[in-house]
Amino acid sequence: MTLFARIAADPGPFVAVLDRWYDAAEDPATIRLLVDRGPARTGT
């Protein structure tokens, strides 16, 4: 069973994770953390 088939069969847990990611993405502290660890900082 592929990941996509699993999501199609039972989207609940995946939707919950995505909701959490979106909430985190809107949090200024998370954005600052991502910027600090971004490609520009690591030189890659």
PDB file of N, CA and C in Angstrom:
ATOM      1  N   MET A   1       0.855  -1.194   0.000  1.00  0.00           N
ATOM      2  CA  MET A   1       0.000   0.000   0.000  1.00  0.00           C
ATOM      3  C   MET A   1       0.893   1.247   0.000  1.00  0.00           C
ATOM      4  N   THR A   2       0.695   2.077  -0.980  1.00  0.00           N
ATOM      5  CA  THR A   2       1.511   3.287  -1.055  1.00  0.00           C
ATOM      6  C   THR A   2       1.040   4.314  -0.040  1.00  0.00           C
ATOM      7  N   LEU A   3       1.879   5.288   0.184  1.00  0.00           N
ATOM      8  CA  LEU A   3       1.531   6.359   1.119  1.00  0.00           C
ATOM      9  C   LEU A   3       0.260   7.071   0.662  1.00  0.00           C
ATOM     10  N   PHE A   4       0.152   7.316  -0.647  1.00  0.00           N
ATOM     11  CA  PHE A   4      -1.015   8.029  -1.160  1.00  0.00           C
ATOM     12  C   PHE A   4      -2.288   7.213  -0.975  1.00  0.00           C
ATOM     13  N   ALA A   5      -2.192   5.903  -1.163  1.00  0.00           N
ATOM     14  CA  ALA A   5      -3.358   5.037  -0.962  1.00  0.00           C
ATOM     15  C   ALA A   5      -3.772   5.050   0.505  1.00  0.00           C
ATOM     16  N   ARG A   6      -2.779   5.070   1.386  1.00  0.00           N
ATOM     17  CA  ARG A   6      -3.068   5.097   2.821  1.00  0.00           C
ATOM     18  C   ARG A   6      -3.757   6.410   3.200  1.00  0.00           C
ATOM     19  N   ILE A   7      -3.267   7.522   2.639  1.00  0.00           N
ATOM     20  CA  ILE A   7      -3.880   8.825   2.923  1.00  0.00           C
ATOM     21  C   ILE A   7      -5.316   8.858   2.390  1.00  0.00           C
ATOM     22  N   ALA A   8      -5.508   8.316   1.190  1.00  0.00           N
ATOM     23  CA  ALA A   8      -6.845   8.302   0.595  1.00  0.00           C
ATOM     24  C   ALA A   8      -7.803   7.449   1.423  1.00  0.00           C
ATOM     25  N   ALA A   9      -7.290   6.350   1.989  1.00  0.00           N
ATOM     26  CA  ALA A   9      -8.131   5.449   2.771  1.00  0.00           C
ATOM     27  C   ALA A   9      -8.505   6.056   4.123  1.00  0.00           C
ATOM     28  N   ASP A  10      -7.567   6.776   4.745  1.00  0.00           N
ATOM     29  CA  ASP A  10      -7.807   7.332   6.079  1.00  0.00           C
ATOM     30  C   ASP A  10      -7.043   8.642   6.234  1.00  0.00           C
ATOM     31  N   PRO A  11      -7.604   9.748   5.758  1.00  0.00           N
ATOM     32  CA  PRO A  11      -6.884  11.029   5.763  1.00  0.00           C
ATOM     33  C   PRO A  11      -6.760  11.680   7.135  1.00  0.00           C
ATOM     34  N   GLY A  12      -7.524  11.232   8.111  1.00  0.00           N
ATOM     35  CA  GLY A  12      -7.569  11.880   9.420  1.00  0.00           C
ATOM     36  C   GLY A  12      -6.223  12.209  10.036  1.00  0.00           C
ATOM     37  N   PRO A  13      -5.374  11.195  10.295  1.00  0.00           N
ATOM     38  CA  PRO A  13      -4.084  11.457  10.948  1.00  0.00           C
ATOM     39  C   PRO A  13      -3.195  12.379  10.123  1.00  0.00           C
ATOM     40  N   PHE A  14      -3.230  12.218   8.801  1.00  0.00           N
ATOM     41  CA  PHE A  14      -2.381  13.037   7.946  1.00  0.00           C
ATOM     42  C   PHE A  14      -2.840  14.487   7.942  1.00  0.00           C
ATOM     43  N   VAL A  15      -4.158  14.672   7.945  1.00  0.00           N
ATOM     44  CA  VAL A  15      -4.706  16.028   7.999  1.00  0.00           C
ATOM     45  C   VAL A  15      -4.319  16.693   9.316  1.00  0.00           C
ATOM     46  N   ALA A  16      -4.350  15.926  10.402  1.00  0.00           N
ATOM     47  CA  ALA A  16      -3.981  16.470  11.709  1.00  0.00           C
ATOM     48  C   ALA A  16      -2.528  16.922  11.711  1.00  0.00           C
ATOM     49  N   VAL A  17      -1.653  16.121  11.105  1.00  0.00           N
ATOM     50  CA  VAL A  17      -0.233  16.484  11.033  1.00  0.00           C
ATOM     51  C   VAL A  17      -0.056  17.744  10.194  1.00  0.00           C
ATOM     52  N   LEU A  18      -0.744  17.799   9.056  1.00  0.00           N
ATOM     53  CA  LEU A  18      -0.642  18.988   8.207  1.00  0.00           C
ATOM     54  C   LEU A  18      -1.143  20.223   8.943  1.00  0.00           C
ATOM     55  N   ASP A  19      -2.235  20.087   9.679  1.00  0.00           N
ATOM     56  CA  ASP A  19      -2.748  21.213  10.465  1.00  0.00           C
ATOM     57  C   ASP A  19      -1.697  21.704  11.445  1.00  0.00           C
ATOM     58  N   ARG A  20      -1.009  20.765  12.090  1.00  0.00           N
ATOM     59  CA  ARG A  20       0.019  21.140  13.052  1.00  0.00           C
ATOM     60  C   ARG A  20       1.164  21.865  12.352  1.00  0.00           C
ATOM     61  N   TRP A  21       1.528  21.360  11.153  1.00  0.00           N
ATOM     62  CA  TRP A  21       2.610  22.013  10.397  1.00  0.00           C
ATOM     63  C   TRP A  21       2.220  23.431  10.015  1.00  0.00           C
ATOM     64  N   TYR A  22       0.971  23.615   9.562  1.00  0.00           N
ATOM     65  CA  TYR A  22       0.529  24.949   9.173  1.00  0.00           C
ATOM     66  C   TYR A  22       0.518  25.885  10.372  1.00  0.00           C
ATOM     67  N   ASP A  23       0.072  25.387  11.517  1.00  0.00           N
ATOM     68  CA  ASP A  23       0.094  26.203  12.733  1.00  0.00           C
ATOM     69  C   ASP A  23       1.524  26.603  13.075  1.00  0.00           C
ATOM     70  N   ALA A  24       2.451  25.652  12.978  1.00  0.00           N
ATOM     71  CA  ALA A  24       3.853  25.935  13.284  1.00  0.00           C
ATOM     72  C   ALA A  24       4.432  26.923  12.276  1.00  0.00           C
ATOM     73  N   ALA A  25       4.019  26.801  11.015  1.00  0.00           N
ATOM     74  CA  ALA A  25       4.550  27.674   9.971  1.00  0.00           C
ATOM     75  C   ALA A  25       4.130  29.124  10.191  1.00  0.00           C
ATOM     76  N   GLU A  26       3.008  29.325  10.872  1.00  0.00           N
ATOM     77  CA  GLU A  26       2.537  30.685  11.132  1.00  0.00           C
ATOM     78  C   GLU A  26       3.141  31.269  12.400  1.00  0.00           C
ATOM     79  N   ASP A  27       3.869  30.444  13.151  1.00  0.00           N
ATOM     80  CA  ASP A  27       4.468  30.890  14.407  1.00  0.00           C
ATOM     81  C   ASP A  27       5.784  31.604  14.119  1.00  0.00           C
ATOM     82  N   PRO A  28       5.931  32.859  14.527  1.00  0.00           N
ATOM     83  CA  PRO A  28       7.151  33.625  14.235  1.00  0.00           C
ATOM     84  C   PRO A  28       8.425  32.933  14.715  1.00  0.00           C
ATOM     85  N   ALA A  29       8.366  32.251  15.854  1.00  0.00           N
ATOM     86  CA  ALA A  29       9.556  31.573  16.373  1.00  0.00           C
ATOM     87  C   ALA A  29       9.987  30.450  15.432  1.00  0.00           C
ATOM     88  N   THR A  30       9.022  29.741  14.863  1.00  0.00           N
ATOM     89  CA  THR A  30       9.339  28.667  13.923  1.00  0.00           C
ATOM     90  C   THR A  30       9.950  29.245  12.659  1.00  0.00           C
ATOM     91  N   ILE A  31       9.373  30.346  12.178  1.00  0.00           N
ATOM     92  CA  ILE A  31       9.900  30.979  10.972  1.00  0.00           C
ATOM     93  C   ILE A  31      11.345  31.416  11.202  1.00  0.00           C
ATOM     94  N   ARG A  32      11.631  31.985  12.371  1.00  0.00           N
ATOM     95  CA  ARG A  32      12.977  32.425  12.694  1.00  0.00           C
ATOM     96  C   ARG A  32      13.929  31.230  12.729  1.00  0.00           C
ATOM     97  N   LEU A  33      13.464  30.112  13.299  1.00  0.00           N
ATOM     98  CA  LEU A  33      14.278  28.903  13.375  1.00  0.00           C
ATOM     99  C   LEU A  33      14.593  28.385  11.976  1.00  0.00           C
ATOM    100  N   LEU A  34      13.599  28.374  11.094  1.00  0.00           N
ATOM    101  CA  LEU A  34      13.816  27.907   9.728  1.00  0.00           C
ATOM    102  C   LEU A  34      14.774  28.825   8.986  1.00  0.00           C
ATOM    103  N   VAL A  35      14.644  30.120   9.206  1.00  0.00           N
ATOM    104  CA  VAL A  35      15.536  31.075   8.553  1.00  0.00           C
ATOM    105  C   VAL A  35      16.960  30.890   9.061  1.00  0.00           C
ATOM    106  N   ASP A  36      17.097  30.696  10.373  1.00  0.00           N
ATOM    107  CA  ASP A  36      18.428  30.504  10.951  1.00  0.00           C
ATOM    108  C   ASP A  36      19.110  29.255  10.421  1.00  0.00           C
ATOM    109  N   ARG A  37      18.329  28.222  10.141  1.00  0.00           N
ATOM    110  CA  ARG A  37      18.903  26.951   9.686  1.00  0.00           C
ATOM    111  C   ARG A  37      18.815  26.789   8.182  1.00  0.00           C
ATOM    112  N   GLY A  38      18.429  27.830   7.489  1.00  0.00           N
ATOM    113  CA  GLY A  38      18.224  27.753   6.047  1.00  0.00           C
ATOM    114  C   GLY A  38      19.521  27.596   5.273  1.00  0.00           C
ATOM    115  N   PRO A  39      19.406  27.382   3.965  1.00  0.00           N
ATOM    116  CA  PRO A  39      20.566  27.161   3.093  1.00  0.00           C
ATOM    117  C   PRO A  39      21.583  28.304   3.138  1.00  0.00           C
ATOM    118  N   ALA A  40      21.100  29.536   3.275  1.00  0.00           N
ATOM    119  CA  ALA A  40      22.018  30.679   3.287  1.00  0.00           C
ATOM    120  C   ALA A  40      22.968  30.594   4.483  1.00  0.00           C
ATOM    121  N   ARG A  41      22.477  30.058   5.597  1.00  0.00           N
ATOM    122  CA  ARG A  41      23.276  29.981   6.815  1.00  0.00           C
ATOM    123  C   ARG A  41      24.298  28.860   6.751  1.00  0.00           C
ATOM    124  N   THR A  42      23.923  27.733   6.126  1.00  0.00           N
ATOM    125  CA  THR A  42      24.804  26.564   6.094  1.00  0.00           C
ATOM    126  C   THR A  42      25.786  26.623   4.930  1.00  0.00           C
ATOM    127  N   GLY A  43      25.504  27.499   3.969  1.00  0.00           N
ATOM    128  CA  GLY A  43      26.412  27.647   2.837  1.00  0.00           C
ATOM    129  C   GLY A  43      26.199  26.621   1.744  1.00  0.00           C
ATOM    130  N   THR A  44      25.087  25.897   1.789  1.00  0.00           N
ATOM    131  CA  THR A  44      24.829  24.900   0.747  1.00  0.00           C
ATOM    132  C   THR A  44      23.986  25.494  -0.348  1.00  0.00           C
TER     133      THR A  44
END
